[in-house]
Amino acid sequence: MTCSCRYHYKISASYDPSNNNRYRYKCKITSITSEGCCPL
């Protein structure tokens, strides 16, 4: 995964049946050693 924003984020996906059964992604700021970054 590539970084697409200024800070590194940790991504957590949650199942959202009210949104066409798609996953909703939440981003939280973590250290620079975190895996992944916040998607645009």
PDB file of N, CA and C in Angstrom:
ATOM      1  N   MET A   1       0.842  -1.194   0.000  1.00  0.00           N
ATOM      2  CA  MET A   1       0.000   0.000   0.000  1.00  0.00           C
ATOM      3  C   MET A   1       0.880   1.248   0.000  1.00  0.00           C
ATOM      4  N   THR A   2       0.473   2.214  -0.780  1.00  0.00           N
ATOM      5  CA  THR A   2       1.267   3.431  -0.870  1.00  0.00           C
ATOM      6  C   THR A   2       0.644   4.540  -0.038  1.00  0.00           C
ATOM      7  N   CYS A   3       1.479   5.479   0.327  1.00  0.00           N
ATOM      8  CA  CYS A   3       0.981   6.596   1.133  1.00  0.00           C
ATOM      9  C   CYS A   3       0.362   7.637   0.217  1.00  0.00           C
ATOM     10  N   SER A   4      -0.789   8.132   0.619  1.00  0.00           N
ATOM     11  CA  SER A   4      -1.436   9.143  -0.205  1.00  0.00           C
ATOM     12  C   SER A   4      -1.816  10.360   0.627  1.00  0.00           C
ATOM     13  N   CYS A   5      -1.249  10.449   1.811  1.00  0.00           N
ATOM     14  CA  CYS A   5      -1.477  11.658   2.585  1.00  0.00           C
ATOM     15  C   CYS A   5      -0.261  11.931   3.447  1.00  0.00           C
ATOM     16  N   ARG A   6      -0.233  13.062   4.063  1.00  0.00           N
ATOM     17  CA  ARG A   6       0.958  13.565   4.698  1.00  0.00           C
ATOM     18  C   ARG A   6       1.390  12.729   5.898  1.00  0.00           C
ATOM     19  N   TYR A   7       0.449  12.265   6.673  1.00  0.00           N
ATOM     20  CA  TYR A   7       0.812  11.510   7.863  1.00  0.00           C
ATOM     21  C   TYR A   7       0.545  10.027   7.670  1.00  0.00           C
ATOM     22  N   HIS A   8       1.271   9.219   8.407  1.00  0.00           N
ATOM     23  CA  HIS A   8       1.020   7.780   8.380  1.00  0.00           C
ATOM     24  C   HIS A   8      -0.196   7.467   9.230  1.00  0.00           C
ATOM     25  N   TYR A   9      -1.008   6.566   8.744  1.00  0.00           N
ATOM     26  CA  TYR A   9      -2.221   6.196   9.451  1.00  0.00           C
ATOM     27  C   TYR A   9      -2.314   4.688   9.573  1.00  0.00           C
ATOM     28  N   LYS A  10      -3.067   4.240  10.551  1.00  0.00           N
ATOM     29  CA  LYS A  10      -3.387   2.828  10.629  1.00  0.00           C
ATOM     30  C   LYS A  10      -4.828   2.678  10.169  1.00  0.00           C
ATOM     31  N   ILE A  11      -5.053   1.742   9.257  1.00  0.00           N
ATOM     32  CA  ILE A  11      -6.384   1.590   8.678  1.00  0.00           C
ATOM     33  C   ILE A  11      -7.134   0.448   9.342  1.00  0.00           C
ATOM     34  N   SER A  12      -8.356   0.720   9.731  1.00  0.00           N
ATOM     35  CA  SER A  12      -9.205  -0.342  10.263  1.00  0.00           C
ATOM     36  C   SER A  12     -10.468  -0.406   9.429  1.00  0.00           C
ATOM     37  N   ALA A  13     -10.831  -1.600   9.008  1.00  0.00           N
ATOM     38  CA  ALA A  13     -12.015  -1.757   8.178  1.00  0.00           C
ATOM     39  C   ALA A  13     -13.160  -2.308   9.012  1.00  0.00           C
ATOM     40  N   SER A  14     -14.333  -1.746   8.792  1.00  0.00           N
ATOM     41  CA  SER A  14     -15.506  -2.249   9.500  1.00  0.00           C
ATOM     42  C   SER A  14     -16.610  -2.536   8.497  1.00  0.00           C
ATOM     43  N   TYR A  15     -17.276  -3.653   8.682  1.00  0.00           N
ATOM     44  CA  TYR A  15     -18.337  -4.066   7.765  1.00  0.00           C
ATOM     45  C   TYR A  15     -19.544  -3.157   7.921  1.00  0.00           C
ATOM     46  N   ASP A  16     -20.033  -2.636   6.823  1.00  0.00           N
ATOM     47  CA  ASP A  16     -21.124  -1.673   6.872  1.00  0.00           C
ATOM     48  C   ASP A  16     -22.281  -2.117   5.983  1.00  0.00           C
ATOM     49  N   PRO A  17     -23.218  -2.903   6.516  1.00  0.00           N
ATOM     50  CA  PRO A  17     -24.324  -3.439   5.731  1.00  0.00           C
ATOM     51  C   PRO A  17     -25.268  -2.353   5.222  1.00  0.00           C
ATOM     52  N   SER A  18     -25.195  -1.167   5.810  1.00  0.00           N
ATOM     53  CA  SER A  18     -26.088  -0.092   5.378  1.00  0.00           C
ATOM     54  C   SER A  18     -25.514   0.639   4.170  1.00  0.00           C
ATOM     55  N   ASN A  19     -24.312   0.244   3.762  1.00  0.00           N
ATOM     56  CA  ASN A  19     -23.678   0.900   2.622  1.00  0.00           C
ATOM     57  C   ASN A  19     -23.339  -0.139   1.558  1.00  0.00           C
ATOM     58  N   ASN A  20     -24.363  -0.809   1.063  1.00  0.00           N
ATOM     59  CA  ASN A  20     -24.186  -1.808   0.005  1.00  0.00           C
ATOM     60  C   ASN A  20     -23.201  -2.905   0.398  1.00  0.00           C
ATOM     61  N   ASN A  21     -23.205  -3.240   1.681  1.00  0.00           N
ATOM     62  CA  ASN A  21     -22.334  -4.309   2.179  1.00  0.00           C
ATOM     63  C   ASN A  21     -20.862  -4.089   1.859  1.00  0.00           C
ATOM     64  N   ARG A  22     -20.452  -2.841   1.866  1.00  0.00           N
ATOM     65  CA  ARG A  22     -19.043  -2.561   1.624  1.00  0.00           C
ATOM     66  C   ARG A  22     -18.344  -2.241   2.935  1.00  0.00           C
ATOM     67  N   TYR A  23     -17.035  -2.288   2.889  1.00  0.00           N
ATOM     68  CA  TYR A  23     -16.271  -1.982   4.091  1.00  0.00           C
ATOM     69  C   TYR A  23     -16.055  -0.481   4.205  1.00  0.00           C
ATOM     70  N   ARG A  24     -16.192   0.005   5.422  1.00  0.00           N
ATOM     71  CA  ARG A  24     -15.904   1.408   5.682  1.00  0.00           C
ATOM     72  C   ARG A  24     -14.518   1.477   6.315  1.00  0.00           C
ATOM     73  N   TYR A  25     -13.693   2.378   5.827  1.00  0.00           N
ATOM     74  CA  TYR A  25     -12.333   2.460   6.342  1.00  0.00           C
ATOM     75  C   TYR A  25     -12.180   3.651   7.276  1.00  0.00           C
ATOM     76  N   LYS A  26     -11.554   3.392   8.405  1.00  0.00           N
ATOM     77  CA  LYS A  26     -11.289   4.470   9.348  1.00  0.00           C
ATOM     78  C   LYS A  26      -9.786   4.628   9.472  1.00  0.00           C
ATOM     79  N   CYS A  27      -9.338   5.868   9.562  1.00  0.00           N
ATOM     80  CA  CYS A  27      -7.911   6.122   9.635  1.00  0.00           C
ATOM     81  C   CYS A  27      -7.556   6.763  10.962  1.00  0.00           C
ATOM     82  N   LYS A  28      -6.478   6.273  11.552  1.00  0.00           N
ATOM     83  CA  LYS A  28      -6.003   6.867  12.795  1.00  0.00           C
ATOM     84  C   LYS A  28      -4.517   7.148  12.664  1.00  0.00           C
ATOM     85  N   ILE A  29      -4.117   8.309  13.128  1.00  0.00           N
ATOM     86  CA  ILE A  29      -2.707   8.671  13.045  1.00  0.00           C
ATOM     87  C   ILE A  29      -1.879   7.785  13.964  1.00  0.00           C
ATOM     88  N   THR A  30      -0.817   7.228  13.409  1.00  0.00           N
ATOM     89  CA  THR A  30       0.097   6.413  14.201  1.00  0.00           C
ATOM     90  C   THR A  30       1.518   6.889  13.940  1.00  0.00           C
ATOM     91  N   SER A  31       2.465   6.153  14.397  1.00  0.00           N
ATOM     92  CA  SER A  31       3.857   6.523  14.178  1.00  0.00           C
ATOM     93  C   SER A  31       4.237   6.260  12.727  1.00  0.00           C
ATOM     94  N   ILE A  32       5.408   6.731  12.342  1.00  0.00           N
ATOM     95  CA  ILE A  32       5.859   6.584  10.965  1.00  0.00           C
ATOM     96  C   ILE A  32       6.151   5.127  10.628  1.00  0.00           C
ATOM     97  N   THR A  33       6.182   4.290  11.634  1.00  0.00           N
ATOM     98  CA  THR A  33       6.482   2.883  11.395  1.00  0.00           C
ATOM     99  C   THR A  33       5.212   2.060  11.228  1.00  0.00           C
ATOM    100  N   SER A  34       4.076   2.744  11.183  1.00  0.00           N
ATOM    101  CA  SER A  34       2.811   2.024  11.056  1.00  0.00           C
ATOM    102  C   SER A  34       2.684   1.412   9.673  1.00  0.00           C
ATOM    103  N   GLU A  35       1.839   0.413   9.558  1.00  0.00           N
ATOM    104  CA  GLU A  35       1.628  -0.223   8.264  1.00  0.00           C
ATOM    105  C   GLU A  35       0.503   0.478   7.531  1.00  0.00           C
ATOM    106  N   GLY A  36       0.790   0.883   6.313  1.00  0.00           N
ATOM    107  CA  GLY A  36      -0.245   1.512   5.510  1.00  0.00           C
ATOM    108  C   GLY A  36      -0.417   2.977   5.824  1.00  0.00           C
ATOM    109  N   CYS A  37      -1.163   3.638   4.957  1.00  0.00           N
ATOM    110  CA  CYS A  37      -1.442   5.053   5.145  1.00  0.00           C
ATOM    111  C   CYS A  37      -2.900   5.306   4.817  1.00  0.00           C
ATOM    112  N   CYS A  38      -3.334   6.474   5.187  1.00  0.00           N
ATOM    113  CA  CYS A  38      -4.725   6.821   4.937  1.00  0.00           C
ATOM    114  C   CYS A  38      -4.978   6.951   3.439  1.00  0.00           C
ATOM    115  N   PRO A  39      -5.979   6.237   2.904  1.00  0.00           N
ATOM    116  CA  PRO A  39      -6.304   6.337   1.476  1.00  0.00           C
ATOM    117  C   PRO A  39      -7.003   7.652   1.180  1.00  0.00           C
ATOM    118  N   LEU A  40      -6.904   8.097  -0.043  1.00  0.00           N
ATOM    119  CA  LEU A  40      -7.567   9.342  -0.429  1.00  0.00           C
ATOM    120  C   LEU A  40      -9.070   9.167  -0.404  1.00  0.00           C
TER     121      LEU A  40
END
